[in-house]
Structures are given as C-alpha cells and as structure tokens.
Amino acid sequence: MLEIDMEYRKGVLFIRLIGELIESTIPVLEQEVTHIMKDYGIGNIVFNVEGLEVIDMKGINALLKHYELAKDSHGKVMLCGLKNDLVKHRIENSHLLNYMYETSDELTALSYMSY
C-alpha cells in the first residue's frame, strides 16, 4: 500500500511517500502526482521518503520518471528523509542520487531550491 501526501509551497511540490513504492503501487503515484506535474507544469519537486518502508527497482524507476518530467519543466528534484536502511541501501545502489540531490529534510531542500 502507498499513501501520498502532497503540499505545494513556495513553488515546490512536496511529495511525502508512505508505505511501499513497488510495482503494484506505482499506479497510485502516477494517478496522484504525474498528472499534477504535467497539467500544471510543476518542475520543482521534493520526494520525502521518510515514511517509505519498501522500494523496488520499479519504484526507483518511477522516481526517475518524475525526475525526467521535472527536468522537462526546467525544474529541480530533491530527495529527503532517507532514514530507512533498506530504502537507503536500494536507492544508493541504484545511482538515483546521481540525478537527484539528497537532503536531510524538507526545510533544507526548500532552501536549496532557492538557488
């Protein structure tokens, strides 16, 4: 199961992911986030993964897809809340952080988005 909490603040879409980002839950991410990014041309996004318990390669690829959408809108993508050891290990081994910046929390991410 995947829950998504979103907040748009100061030109940045904060996407808080809770639960599992795996192949069977990706449609939830696409239904709730992808269309908003496309419809409103949102480029600056922060994925907060503090609430994620599990992520698989399909989930990592879904995050990468949203990076590409943001890049098309000349935006930046940041990742914060990498505290779960399993999620952190999978994300670090996937090289996703070669594309996204990592910060400790949303406030830090917001300050980086200002630059």
PDB file of N, CA and C in Angstrom:
ATOM      1  N   MET A   1       0.843  -1.180   0.000  1.00  0.00           N
ATOM      2  CA  MET A   1       0.000   0.000   0.000  1.00  0.00           C
ATOM      3  C   MET A   1       0.895   1.252   0.000  1.00  0.00           C
ATOM      4  N   LEU A   2       0.452   2.255  -0.714  1.00  0.00           N
ATOM      5  CA  LEU A   2       1.183   3.519  -0.797  1.00  0.00           C
ATOM      6  C   LEU A   2       0.230   4.665  -0.508  1.00  0.00           C
ATOM      7  N   GLU A   3       0.634   5.512   0.428  1.00  0.00           N
ATOM      8  CA  GLU A   3      -0.103   6.743   0.706  1.00  0.00           C
ATOM      9  C   GLU A   3       0.765   7.903   0.256  1.00  0.00           C
ATOM     10  N   ILE A   4       0.123   8.918  -0.283  1.00  0.00           N
ATOM     11  CA  ILE A   4       0.850  10.097  -0.764  1.00  0.00           C
ATOM     12  C   ILE A   4       0.218  11.339  -0.159  1.00  0.00           C
ATOM     13  N   ASP A   5       1.065  12.147   0.445  1.00  0.00           N
ATOM     14  CA  ASP A   5       0.630  13.432   0.994  1.00  0.00           C
ATOM     15  C   ASP A   5       1.385  14.496   0.209  1.00  0.00           C
ATOM     16  N   MET A   6       0.667  15.428  -0.398  1.00  0.00           N
ATOM     17  CA  MET A   6       1.316  16.460  -1.205  1.00  0.00           C
ATOM     18  C   MET A   6       1.004  17.845  -0.664  1.00  0.00           C
ATOM     19  N   GLU A   7       1.972  18.727  -0.842  1.00  0.00           N
ATOM     20  CA  GLU A   7       1.808  20.126  -0.450  1.00  0.00           C
ATOM     21  C   GLU A   7       2.612  20.975  -1.422  1.00  0.00           C
ATOM     22  N   TYR A   8       1.988  22.019  -1.928  1.00  0.00           N
ATOM     23  CA  TYR A   8       2.670  22.948  -2.833  1.00  0.00           C
ATOM     24  C   TYR A   8       2.981  24.209  -2.051  1.00  0.00           C
ATOM     25  N   ARG A   9       4.274  24.507  -1.927  1.00  0.00           N
ATOM     26  CA  ARG A   9       4.694  25.642  -1.108  1.00  0.00           C
ATOM     27  C   ARG A   9       5.888  26.323  -1.756  1.00  0.00           C
ATOM     28  N   LYS A  10       5.793  27.632  -1.934  1.00  0.00           N
ATOM     29  CA  LYS A  10       6.882  28.449  -2.475  1.00  0.00           C
ATOM     30  C   LYS A  10       7.439  27.901  -3.792  1.00  0.00           C
ATOM     31  N   GLY A  11       6.552  27.462  -4.667  1.00  0.00           N
ATOM     32  CA  GLY A  11       6.960  26.983  -5.979  1.00  0.00           C
ATOM     33  C   GLY A  11       7.524  25.582  -6.005  1.00  0.00           C
ATOM     34  N   VAL A  12       7.346  24.848  -4.914  1.00  0.00           N
ATOM     35  CA  VAL A  12       7.882  23.485  -4.812  1.00  0.00           C
ATOM     36  C   VAL A  12       6.755  22.532  -4.417  1.00  0.00           C
ATOM     37  N   LEU A  13       6.665  21.406  -5.126  1.00  0.00           N
ATOM     38  CA  LEU A  13       5.701  20.369  -4.776  1.00  0.00           C
ATOM     39  C   LEU A  13       6.398  19.359  -3.871  1.00  0.00           C
ATOM     40  N   PHE A  14       5.937  19.281  -2.634  1.00  0.00           N
ATOM     41  CA  PHE A  14       6.461  18.308  -1.687  1.00  0.00           C
ATOM     42  C   PHE A  14       5.607  17.058  -1.770  1.00  0.00           C
ATOM     43  N   ILE A  15       6.250  15.930  -2.006  1.00  0.00           N
ATOM     44  CA  ILE A  15       5.550  14.654  -2.169  1.00  0.00           C
ATOM     45  C   ILE A  15       6.054  13.721  -1.077  1.00  0.00           C
ATOM     46  N   ARG A  16       5.192  13.458  -0.105  1.00  0.00           N
ATOM     47  CA  ARG A  16       5.566  12.579   1.018  1.00  0.00           C
ATOM     48  C   ARG A  16       5.018  11.189   0.734  1.00  0.00           C
ATOM     49  N   LEU A  17       5.930  10.237   0.608  1.00  0.00           N
ATOM     50  CA  LEU A  17       5.570   8.863   0.284  1.00  0.00           C
ATOM     51  C   LEU A  17       5.578   8.022   1.558  1.00  0.00           C
ATOM     52  N   ILE A  18       4.490   7.295   1.776  1.00  0.00           N
ATOM     53  CA  ILE A  18       4.338   6.494   2.988  1.00  0.00           C
ATOM     54  C   ILE A  18       3.917   5.082   2.589  1.00  0.00           C
ATOM     55  N   GLY A  19       4.681   4.096   3.068  1.00  0.00           N
ATOM     56  CA  GLY A  19       4.331   2.703   2.803  1.00  0.00           C
ATOM     57  C   GLY A  19       5.314   2.046   1.854  1.00  0.00           C
ATOM     58  N   GLU A  20       4.783   1.515   0.754  1.00  0.00           N
ATOM     59  CA  GLU A  20       5.591   0.747  -0.198  1.00  0.00           C
ATOM     60  C   GLU A  20       5.527   1.367  -1.586  1.00  0.00           C
ATOM     61  N   LEU A  21       6.687   1.647  -2.157  1.00  0.00           N
ATOM     62  CA  LEU A  21       6.754   2.097  -3.554  1.00  0.00           C
ATOM     63  C   LEU A  21       7.318   0.933  -4.357  1.00  0.00           C
ATOM     64  N   ILE A  22       6.398   0.088  -4.800  1.00  0.00           N
ATOM     65  CA  ILE A  22       6.754  -1.126  -5.529  1.00  0.00           C
ATOM     66  C   ILE A  22       5.892  -1.202  -6.790  1.00  0.00           C
ATOM     67  N   GLU A  23       6.173  -2.190  -7.611  1.00  0.00           N
ATOM     68  CA  GLU A  23       5.494  -2.291  -8.899  1.00  0.00           C
ATOM     69  C   GLU A  23       3.970  -2.166  -8.790  1.00  0.00           C
ATOM     70  N   SER A  24       3.375  -2.792  -7.795  1.00  0.00           N
ATOM     71  CA  SER A  24       1.905  -2.777  -7.681  1.00  0.00           C
ATOM     72  C   SER A  24       1.346  -1.443  -7.184  1.00  0.00           C
ATOM     73  N   THR A  25       2.194  -0.568  -6.607  1.00  0.00           N
ATOM     74  CA  THR A  25       1.684   0.712  -6.096  1.00  0.00           C
ATOM     75  C   THR A  25       2.045   1.908  -6.980  1.00  0.00           C
ATOM     76  N   ILE A  26       2.830   1.684  -8.015  1.00  0.00           N
ATOM     77  CA  ILE A  26       3.227   2.779  -8.909  1.00  0.00           C
ATOM     78  C   ILE A  26       2.023   3.479  -9.551  1.00  0.00           C
ATOM     79  N   PRO A  27       0.958   2.750  -9.919  1.00  0.00           N
ATOM     80  CA  PRO A  27      -0.204   3.464 -10.472  1.00  0.00           C
ATOM     81  C   PRO A  27      -0.764   4.534  -9.528  1.00  0.00           C
ATOM     82  N   VAL A  28      -0.652   4.337  -8.220  1.00  0.00           N
ATOM     83  CA  VAL A  28      -1.106   5.348  -7.260  1.00  0.00           C
ATOM     84  C   VAL A  28      -0.266   6.611  -7.421  1.00  0.00           C
ATOM     85  N   LEU A  29       1.057   6.446  -7.516  1.00  0.00           N
ATOM     86  CA  LEU A  29       1.957   7.580  -7.710  1.00  0.00           C
ATOM     87  C   LEU A  29       1.637   8.297  -9.009  1.00  0.00           C
ATOM     88  N   GLU A  30       1.443   7.536 -10.070  1.00  0.00           N
ATOM     89  CA  GLU A  30       1.152   8.141 -11.371  1.00  0.00           C
ATOM     90  C   GLU A  30      -0.189   8.869 -11.369  1.00  0.00           C
ATOM     91  N   GLN A  31      -1.182   8.271 -10.727  1.00  0.00           N
ATOM     92  CA  GLN A  31      -2.512   8.876 -10.700  1.00  0.00           C
ATOM     93  C   GLN A  31      -2.523  10.165  -9.886  1.00  0.00           C
ATOM     94  N   GLU A  32      -1.810  10.189  -8.770  1.00  0.00           N
ATOM     95  CA  GLU A  32      -1.882  11.347  -7.885  1.00  0.00           C
ATOM     96  C   GLU A  32      -0.847  12.425  -8.194  1.00  0.00           C
ATOM     97  N   VAL A  33       0.310  12.044  -8.727  1.00  0.00           N
ATOM     98  CA  VAL A  33       1.405  13.006  -8.880  1.00  0.00           C
ATOM     99  C   VAL A  33       1.684  13.364 -10.337  1.00  0.00           C
ATOM    100  N   THR A  34       1.792  12.380 -11.194  1.00  0.00           N
ATOM    101  CA  THR A  34       2.215  12.614 -12.570  1.00  0.00           C
ATOM    102  C   THR A  34       1.307  13.604 -13.283  1.00  0.00           C
ATOM    103  N   HIS A  35       0.013  13.403 -13.180  1.00  0.00           N
ATOM    104  CA  HIS A  35      -0.896  14.305 -13.909  1.00  0.00           C
ATOM    105  C   HIS A  35      -0.826  15.724 -13.360  1.00  0.00           C
ATOM    106  N   ILE A  36      -0.606  15.893 -12.065  1.00  0.00           N
ATOM    107  CA  ILE A  36      -0.492  17.245 -11.490  1.00  0.00           C
ATOM    108  C   ILE A  36       0.742  17.948 -12.051  1.00  0.00           C
ATOM    109  N   MET A  37       1.843  17.213 -12.110  1.00  0.00           N
ATOM    110  CA  MET A  37       3.073  17.795 -12.663  1.00  0.00           C
ATOM    111  C   MET A  37       2.877  18.200 -14.118  1.00  0.00           C
ATOM    112  N   LYS A  38       2.236  17.342 -14.895  1.00  0.00           N
ATOM    113  CA  LYS A  38       2.029  17.627 -16.316  1.00  0.00           C
ATOM    114  C   LYS A  38       1.014  18.760 -16.519  1.00  0.00           C
ATOM    115  N   ASP A  39      -0.113  18.680 -15.822  1.00  0.00           N
ATOM    116  CA  ASP A  39      -1.190  19.665 -16.017  1.00  0.00           C
ATOM    117  C   ASP A  39      -0.781  21.072 -15.602  1.00  0.00           C
ATOM    118  N   TYR A  40       0.028  21.176 -14.554  1.00  0.00           N
ATOM    119  CA  TYR A  40       0.386  22.496 -14.030  1.00  0.00           C
ATOM    120  C   TYR A  40       1.825  22.889 -14.328  1.00  0.00           C
ATOM    121  N   GLY A  41       2.546  22.045 -15.044  1.00  0.00           N
ATOM    122  CA  GLY A  41       3.924  22.365 -15.409  1.00  0.00           C
ATOM    123  C   GLY A  41       4.851  22.511 -14.213  1.00  0.00           C
ATOM    124  N   ILE A  42       4.596  21.737 -13.185  1.00  0.00           N
ATOM    125  CA  ILE A  42       5.416  21.819 -11.969  1.00  0.00           C
ATOM    126  C   ILE A  42       6.755  21.152 -12.221  1.00  0.00           C
ATOM    127  N   GLY A  43       7.825  21.883 -11.923  1.00  0.00           N
ATOM    128  CA  GLY A  43       9.158  21.342 -12.147  1.00  0.00           C
ATOM    129  C   GLY A  43       9.930  21.073 -10.876  1.00  0.00           C
ATOM    130  N   ASN A  44       9.729  21.887  -9.866  1.00  0.00           N
ATOM    131  CA  ASN A  44      10.492  21.720  -8.628  1.00  0.00           C
ATOM    132  C   ASN A  44       9.739  20.807  -7.671  1.00  0.00           C
ATOM    133  N   ILE A  45      10.334  19.650  -7.390  1.00  0.00           N
ATOM    134  CA  ILE A  45       9.681  18.692  -6.502  1.00  0.00           C
ATOM    135  C   ILE A  45      10.674  18.140  -5.478  1.00  0.00           C
ATOM    136  N   VAL A  46      10.122  17.802  -4.322  1.00  0.00           N
ATOM    137  CA  VAL A  46      10.886  17.163  -3.262  1.00  0.00           C
ATOM    138  C   VAL A  46      10.152  15.884  -2.879  1.00  0.00           C
ATOM    139  N   PHE A  47      10.824  14.760  -3.051  1.00  0.00           N
ATOM    140  CA  PHE A  47      10.281  13.486  -2.587  1.00  0.00           C
ATOM    141  C   PHE A  47      10.773  13.258  -1.167  1.00  0.00           C
ATOM    142  N   ASN A  48       9.844  13.191  -0.228  1.00  0.00           N
ATOM    143  CA  ASN A  48      10.187  12.853   1.149  1.00  0.00           C
ATOM    144  C   ASN A  48       9.884  11.362   1.320  1.00  0.00           C
ATOM    145  N   VAL A  49      10.940  10.574   1.495  1.00  0.00           N
ATOM    146  CA  VAL A  49      10.793   9.114   1.577  1.00  0.00           C
ATOM    147  C   VAL A  49      10.922   8.600   3.009  1.00  0.00           C
ATOM    148  N   GLU A  50      10.843   9.499   3.965  1.00  0.00           N
ATOM    149  CA  GLU A  50      10.994   9.101   5.369  1.00  0.00           C
ATOM    150  C   GLU A  50       9.976   8.029   5.763  1.00  0.00           C
ATOM    151  N   GLY A  51       8.771   8.092   5.196  1.00  0.00           N
ATOM    152  CA  GLY A  51       7.722   7.129   5.525  1.00  0.00           C
ATOM    153  C   GLY A  51       7.722   5.872   4.680  1.00  0.00           C
ATOM    154  N   LEU A  52       8.661   5.769   3.739  1.00  0.00           N
ATOM    155  CA  LEU A  52       8.725   4.557   2.915  1.00  0.00           C
ATOM    156  C   LEU A  52       9.325   3.405   3.700  1.00  0.00           C
ATOM    157  N   GLU A  53       8.693   2.254   3.586  1.00  0.00           N
ATOM    158  CA  GLU A  53       9.199   1.046   4.236  1.00  0.00           C
ATOM    159  C   GLU A  53       9.913   0.143   3.240  1.00  0.00           C
ATOM    160  N   VAL A  54       9.447   0.171   1.986  1.00  0.00           N
ATOM    161  CA  VAL A  54       9.985  -0.705   0.944  1.00  0.00           C
ATOM    162  C   VAL A  54       9.995   0.047  -0.378  1.00  0.00           C
ATOM    163  N   ILE A  55      11.041  -0.194  -1.162  1.00  0.00           N
ATOM    164  CA  ILE A  55      11.089   0.301  -2.540  1.00  0.00           C
ATOM    165  C   ILE A  55      11.774  -0.767  -3.380  1.00  0.00           C
ATOM    166  N   ASP A  56      11.278  -0.979  -4.593  1.00  0.00           N
ATOM    167  CA  ASP A  56      11.937  -1.914  -5.505  1.00  0.00           C
ATOM    168  C   ASP A  56      12.435  -1.146  -6.731  1.00  0.00           C
ATOM    169  N   MET A  57      13.023  -1.850  -7.676  1.00  0.00           N
ATOM    170  CA  MET A  57      13.583  -1.178  -8.858  1.00  0.00           C
ATOM    171  C   MET A  57      12.515  -0.460  -9.673  1.00  0.00           C
ATOM    172  N   LYS A  58      11.318  -1.015  -9.723  1.00  0.00           N
ATOM    173  CA  LYS A  58      10.228  -0.337 -10.440  1.00  0.00           C
ATOM    174  C   LYS A  58       9.885   0.981  -9.750  1.00  0.00           C
ATOM    175  N   GLY A  59       9.928   0.989  -8.418  1.00  0.00           N
ATOM    176  CA  GLY A  59       9.678   2.214  -7.666  1.00  0.00           C
ATOM    177  C   GLY A  59      10.764   3.252  -7.906  1.00  0.00           C
ATOM    178  N   ILE A  60      11.999   2.786  -7.951  1.00  0.00           N
ATOM    179  CA  ILE A  60      13.122   3.690  -8.241  1.00  0.00           C
ATOM    180  C   ILE A  60      12.976   4.260  -9.646  1.00  0.00           C
ATOM    181  N   ASN A  61      12.585   3.419 -10.589  1.00  0.00           N
ATOM    182  CA  ASN A  61      12.374   3.895 -11.962  1.00  0.00           C
ATOM    183  C   ASN A  61      11.234   4.909 -12.035  1.00  0.00           C
ATOM    184  N   ALA A  62      10.220   4.748 -11.186  1.00  0.00           N
ATOM    185  CA  ALA A  62       9.120   5.713 -11.149  1.00  0.00           C
ATOM    186  C   ALA A  62       9.622   7.070 -10.651  1.00  0.00           C
ATOM    187  N   LEU A  63      10.511   7.065  -9.660  1.00  0.00           N
ATOM    188  CA  LEU A  63      11.093   8.322  -9.190  1.00  0.00           C
ATOM    189  C   LEU A  63      11.926   8.968 -10.296  1.00  0.00           C
ATOM    190  N   LEU A  64      12.654   8.137 -11.025  1.00  0.00           N
ATOM    191  CA  LEU A  64      13.463   8.644 -12.133  1.00  0.00           C
ATOM    192  C   LEU A  64      12.581   9.244 -13.230  1.00  0.00           C
ATOM    193  N   LYS A  65      11.441   8.635 -13.466  1.00  0.00           N
ATOM    194  CA  LYS A  65      10.491   9.165 -14.456  1.00  0.00           C
ATOM    195  C   LYS A  65      10.033  10.567 -14.053  1.00  0.00           C
ATOM    196  N   HIS A  66       9.799  10.770 -12.758  1.00  0.00           N
ATOM    197  CA  HIS A  66       9.382  12.089 -12.286  1.00  0.00           C
ATOM    198  C   HIS A  66      10.532  13.089 -12.342  1.00  0.00           C
ATOM    199  N   TYR A  67      11.740  12.608 -12.208  1.00  0.00           N
ATOM    200  CA  TYR A  67      12.911  13.472 -12.415  1.00  0.00           C
ATOM    201  C   TYR A  67      12.904  13.985 -13.852  1.00  0.00           C
ATOM    202  N   GLU A  68      12.654  13.094 -14.799  1.00  0.00           N
ATOM    203  CA  GLU A  68      12.621  13.477 -16.218  1.00  0.00           C
ATOM    204  C   GLU A  68      11.511  14.496 -16.492  1.00  0.00           C
ATOM    205  N   LEU A  69      10.343  14.295 -15.875  1.00  0.00           N
ATOM    206  CA  LEU A  69       9.242  15.258 -16.037  1.00  0.00           C
ATOM    207  C   LEU A  69       9.643  16.629 -15.501  1.00  0.00           C
ATOM    208  N   ALA A  70      10.280  16.643 -14.347  1.00  0.00           N
ATOM    209  CA  ALA A  70      10.711  17.910 -13.750  1.00  0.00           C
ATOM    210  C   ALA A  70      11.771  18.580 -14.613  1.00  0.00           C
ATOM    211  N   LYS A  71      12.675  17.780 -15.126  1.00  0.00           N
ATOM    212  CA  LYS A  71      13.740  18.309 -15.985  1.00  0.00           C
ATOM    213  C   LYS A  71      13.137  18.941 -17.239  1.00  0.00           C
ATOM    214  N   ASP A  72      12.102  18.315 -17.791  1.00  0.00           N
ATOM    215  CA  ASP A  72      11.423  18.869 -18.971  1.00  0.00           C
ATOM    216  C   ASP A  72      10.802  20.231 -18.671  1.00  0.00           C
ATOM    217  N   SER A  73      10.462  20.477 -17.405  1.00  0.00           N
ATOM    218  CA  SER A  73       9.894  21.758 -16.990  1.00  0.00           C
ATOM    219  C   SER A  73      10.958  22.679 -16.406  1.00  0.00           C
ATOM    220  N   HIS A  74      12.235  22.333 -16.652  1.00  0.00           N
ATOM    221  CA  HIS A  74      13.381  23.124 -16.179  1.00  0.00           C
ATOM    222  C   HIS A  74      13.411  23.245 -14.652  1.00  0.00           C
ATOM    223  N   GLY A  75      13.024  22.165 -13.989  1.00  0.00           N
ATOM    224  CA  GLY A  75      12.977  22.165 -12.534  1.00  0.00           C
ATOM    225  C   GLY A  75      14.075  21.334 -11.905  1.00  0.00           C
ATOM    226  N   LYS A  76      14.026  21.286 -10.590  1.00  0.00           N
ATOM    227  CA  LYS A  76      14.969  20.507  -9.792  1.00  0.00           C
ATOM    228  C   LYS A  76      14.192  19.462  -9.004  1.00  0.00           C
ATOM    229  N   VAL A  77      14.866  18.353  -8.719  1.00  0.00           N
ATOM    230  CA  VAL A  77      14.259  17.298  -7.913  1.00  0.00           C
ATOM    231  C   VAL A  77      15.186  16.993  -6.754  1.00  0.00           C
ATOM    232  N   MET A  78      14.610  16.909  -5.570  1.00  0.00           N
ATOM    233  CA  MET A  78      15.389  16.576  -4.388  1.00  0.00           C
ATOM    234  C   MET A  78      14.719  15.415  -3.677  1.00  0.00           C
ATOM    235  N   LEU A  79      15.530  14.716  -2.915  1.00  0.00           N
ATOM    236  CA  LEU A  79      15.080  13.564  -2.144  1.00  0.00           C
ATOM    237  C   LEU A  79      15.470  13.821  -0.701  1.00  0.00           C
ATOM    238  N   CYS A  80      14.550  13.632   0.223  1.00  0.00           N
ATOM    239  CA  CYS A  80      14.903  13.804   1.632  1.00  0.00           C
ATOM    240  C   CYS A  80      14.275  12.697   2.467  1.00  0.00           C
ATOM    241  N   GLY A  81      14.762  12.572   3.695  1.00  0.00           N
ATOM    242  CA  GLY A  81      14.212  11.584   4.613  1.00  0.00           C
ATOM    243  C   GLY A  81      14.704  10.176   4.396  1.00  0.00           C
ATOM    244  N   LEU A  82      15.899  10.038   3.854  1.00  0.00           N
ATOM    245  CA  LEU A  82      16.454   8.696   3.601  1.00  0.00           C
ATOM    246  C   LEU A  82      16.970   8.105   4.908  1.00  0.00           C
ATOM    247  N   LYS A  83      16.050   7.580   5.716  1.00  0.00           N
ATOM    248  CA  LYS A  83      16.424   7.069   7.034  1.00  0.00           C
ATOM    249  C   LYS A  83      16.268   5.564   7.158  1.00  0.00           C
ATOM    250  N   ASN A  84      15.324   4.988   6.437  1.00  0.00           N
ATOM    251  CA  ASN A  84      15.122   3.545   6.471  1.00  0.00           C
ATOM    252  C   ASN A  84      16.306   2.870   5.784  1.00  0.00           C
ATOM    253  N   ASP A  85      16.958   1.947   6.476  1.00  0.00           N
ATOM    254  CA  ASP A  85      18.173   1.316   5.952  1.00  0.00           C
ATOM    255  C   ASP A  85      17.954   0.589   4.629  1.00  0.00           C
ATOM    256  N   LEU A  86      16.850  -0.144   4.503  1.00  0.00           N
ATOM    257  CA  LEU A  86      16.570  -0.884   3.272  1.00  0.00           C
ATOM    258  C   LEU A  86      16.344   0.076   2.102  1.00  0.00           C
ATOM    259  N   VAL A  87      15.526   1.085   2.324  1.00  0.00           N
ATOM    260  CA  VAL A  87      15.237   2.077   1.270  1.00  0.00           C
ATOM    261  C   VAL A  87      16.518   2.810   0.889  1.00  0.00           C
ATOM    262  N   LYS A  88      17.286   3.226   1.885  1.00  0.00           N
ATOM    263  CA  LYS A  88      18.539   3.935   1.637  1.00  0.00           C
ATOM    264  C   LYS A  88      19.505   3.073   0.828  1.00  0.00           C
ATOM    265  N   HIS A  89      19.651   1.823   1.205  1.00  0.00           N
ATOM    266  CA  HIS A  89      20.553   0.907   0.504  1.00  0.00           C
ATOM    267  C   HIS A  89      20.149   0.740  -0.961  1.00  0.00           C
ATOM    268  N   ARG A  90      18.868   0.523  -1.198  1.00  0.00           N
ATOM    269  CA  ARG A  90      18.404   0.319  -2.583  1.00  0.00           C
ATOM    270  C   ARG A  90      18.567   1.582  -3.425  1.00  0.00           C
ATOM    271  N   ILE A  91      18.273   2.719  -2.851  1.00  0.00           N
ATOM    272  CA  ILE A  91      18.393   3.975  -3.604  1.00  0.00           C
ATOM    273  C   ILE A  91      19.857   4.285  -3.889  1.00  0.00           C
ATOM    274  N   GLU A  92      20.721   4.108  -2.900  1.00  0.00           N
ATOM    275  CA  GLU A  92      22.149   4.368  -3.115  1.00  0.00           C
ATOM    276  C   GLU A  92      22.739   3.421  -4.154  1.00  0.00           C
ATOM    277  N   ASN A  93      22.346   2.171  -4.129  1.00  0.00           N
ATOM    278  CA  ASN A  93      22.868   1.198  -5.102  1.00  0.00           C
ATOM    279  C   ASN A  93      22.312   1.401  -6.504  1.00  0.00           C
ATOM    280  N   SER A  94      21.202   2.108  -6.620  1.00  0.00           N
ATOM    281  CA  SER A  94      20.585   2.321  -7.932  1.00  0.00           C
ATOM    282  C   SER A  94      21.206   3.491  -8.684  1.00  0.00           C
ATOM    283  N   HIS A  95      22.001   4.303  -8.011  1.00  0.00           N
ATOM    284  CA  HIS A  95      22.605   5.508  -8.595  1.00  0.00           C
ATOM    285  C   HIS A  95      21.580   6.600  -8.881  1.00  0.00           C
ATOM    286  N   LEU A  96      20.394   6.493  -8.278  1.00  0.00           N
ATOM    287  CA  LEU A  96      19.371   7.531  -8.429  1.00  0.00           C
ATOM    288  C   LEU A  96      19.892   8.880  -7.946  1.00  0.00           C
ATOM    289  N   LEU A  97      20.760   8.852  -6.955  1.00  0.00           N
ATOM    290  CA  LEU A  97      21.282  10.100  -6.400  1.00  0.00           C
ATOM    291  C   LEU A  97      22.258  10.799  -7.341  1.00  0.00           C
ATOM    292  N   ASN A  98      22.601  10.156  -8.460  1.00  0.00           N
ATOM    293  CA  ASN A  98      23.370  10.837  -9.496  1.00  0.00           C
ATOM    294  C   ASN A  98      22.498  11.874 -10.213  1.00  0.00           C
ATOM    295  N   TYR A  99      21.190  11.720 -10.096  1.00  0.00           N
ATOM    296  CA  TYR A  99      20.247  12.604 -10.775  1.00  0.00           C
ATOM    297  C   TYR A  99      19.551  13.560  -9.815  1.00  0.00           C
ATOM    298  N   MET A 100      19.322  13.118  -8.594  1.00  0.00           N
ATOM    299  CA  MET A 100      18.600  13.919  -7.609  1.00  0.00           C
ATOM    300  C   MET A 100      19.534  14.306  -6.478  1.00  0.00           C
ATOM    301  N   TYR A 101      19.312  15.487  -5.941  1.00  0.00           N
ATOM    302  CA  TYR A 101      20.054  15.904  -4.756  1.00  0.00           C
ATOM    303  C   TYR A 101      19.406  15.274  -3.531  1.00  0.00           C
ATOM    304  N   GLU A 102      20.214  14.966  -2.548  1.00  0.00           N
ATOM    305  CA  GLU A 102      19.690  14.425  -1.291  1.00  0.00           C
ATOM    306  C   GLU A 102      19.911  15.438  -0.172  1.00  0.00           C
ATOM    307  N   THR A 103      18.867  15.651   0.623  1.00  0.00           N
ATOM    308  CA  THR A 103      18.988  16.492   1.808  1.00  0.00           C
ATOM    309  C   THR A 103      18.383  15.741   2.989  1.00  0.00           C
ATOM    310  N   SER A 104      18.620  16.263   4.169  1.00  0.00           N
ATOM    311  CA  SER A 104      18.128  15.586   5.364  1.00  0.00           C
ATOM    312  C   SER A 104      16.627  15.783   5.574  1.00  0.00           C
ATOM    313  N   ASP A 105      16.122  16.968   5.210  1.00  0.00           N
ATOM    314  CA  ASP A 105      14.710  17.253   5.479  1.00  0.00           C
ATOM    315  C   ASP A 105      14.143  18.251   4.462  1.00  0.00           C
ATOM    316  N   GLU A 106      12.849  18.490   4.557  1.00  0.00           N
ATOM    317  CA  GLU A 106      12.159  19.360   3.601  1.00  0.00           C
ATOM    318  C   GLU A 106      12.615  20.813   3.694  1.00  0.00           C
ATOM    319  N   LEU A 107      12.872  21.288   4.890  1.00  0.00           N
ATOM    320  CA  LEU A 107      13.298  22.679   5.064  1.00  0.00           C
ATOM    321  C   LEU A 107      14.637  22.931   4.369  1.00  0.00           C
ATOM    322  N   THR A 108      15.548  21.992   4.516  1.00  0.00           N
ATOM    323  CA  THR A 108      16.846  22.106   3.836  1.00  0.00           C
ATOM    324  C   THR A 108      16.652  22.046   2.325  1.00  0.00           C
ATOM    325  N   ALA A 109      15.786  21.162   1.879  1.00  0.00           N
ATOM    326  CA  ALA A 109      15.510  21.050   0.438  1.00  0.00           C
ATOM    327  C   ALA A 109      14.945  22.359  -0.101  1.00  0.00           C
ATOM    328  N   LEU A 110      14.045  22.963   0.641  1.00  0.00           N
ATOM    329  CA  LEU A 110      13.445  24.225   0.210  1.00  0.00           C
ATOM    330  C   LEU A 110      14.500  25.322   0.084  1.00  0.00           C
ATOM    331  N   SER A 111      15.437  25.354   1.011  1.00  0.00           N
ATOM    332  CA  SER A 111      16.488  26.379   0.936  1.00  0.00           C
ATOM    333  C   SER A 111      17.393  26.148  -0.270  1.00  0.00           C
ATOM    334  N   TYR A 112      17.652  24.875  -0.632  1.00  0.00           N
ATOM    335  CA  TYR A 112      18.454  24.586  -1.822  1.00  0.00           C
ATOM    336  C   TYR A 112      17.705  24.944  -3.101  1.00  0.00           C
ATOM    337  N   MET A 113      16.388  24.809  -3.082  1.00  0.00           N
ATOM    338  CA  MET A 113      15.599  25.123  -4.270  1.00  0.00           C
ATOM    339  C   MET A 113      15.663  26.614  -4.599  1.00  0.00           C
ATOM    340  N   SER A 114      15.982  27.428  -3.624  1.00  0.00           N
ATOM    341  CA  SER A 114      16.031  28.874  -3.824  1.00  0.00           C
ATOM    342  C   SER A 114      17.210  29.304  -4.682  1.00  0.00           C
ATOM    343  N   TYR A 115      18.218  28.437  -4.808  1.00  0.00           N
ATOM    344  CA  TYR A 115      19.435  28.801  -5.550  1.00  0.00           C
ATOM    345  C   TYR A 115      19.290  28.549  -7.019  1.00  0.00           C
TER     346      TYR A 115
END
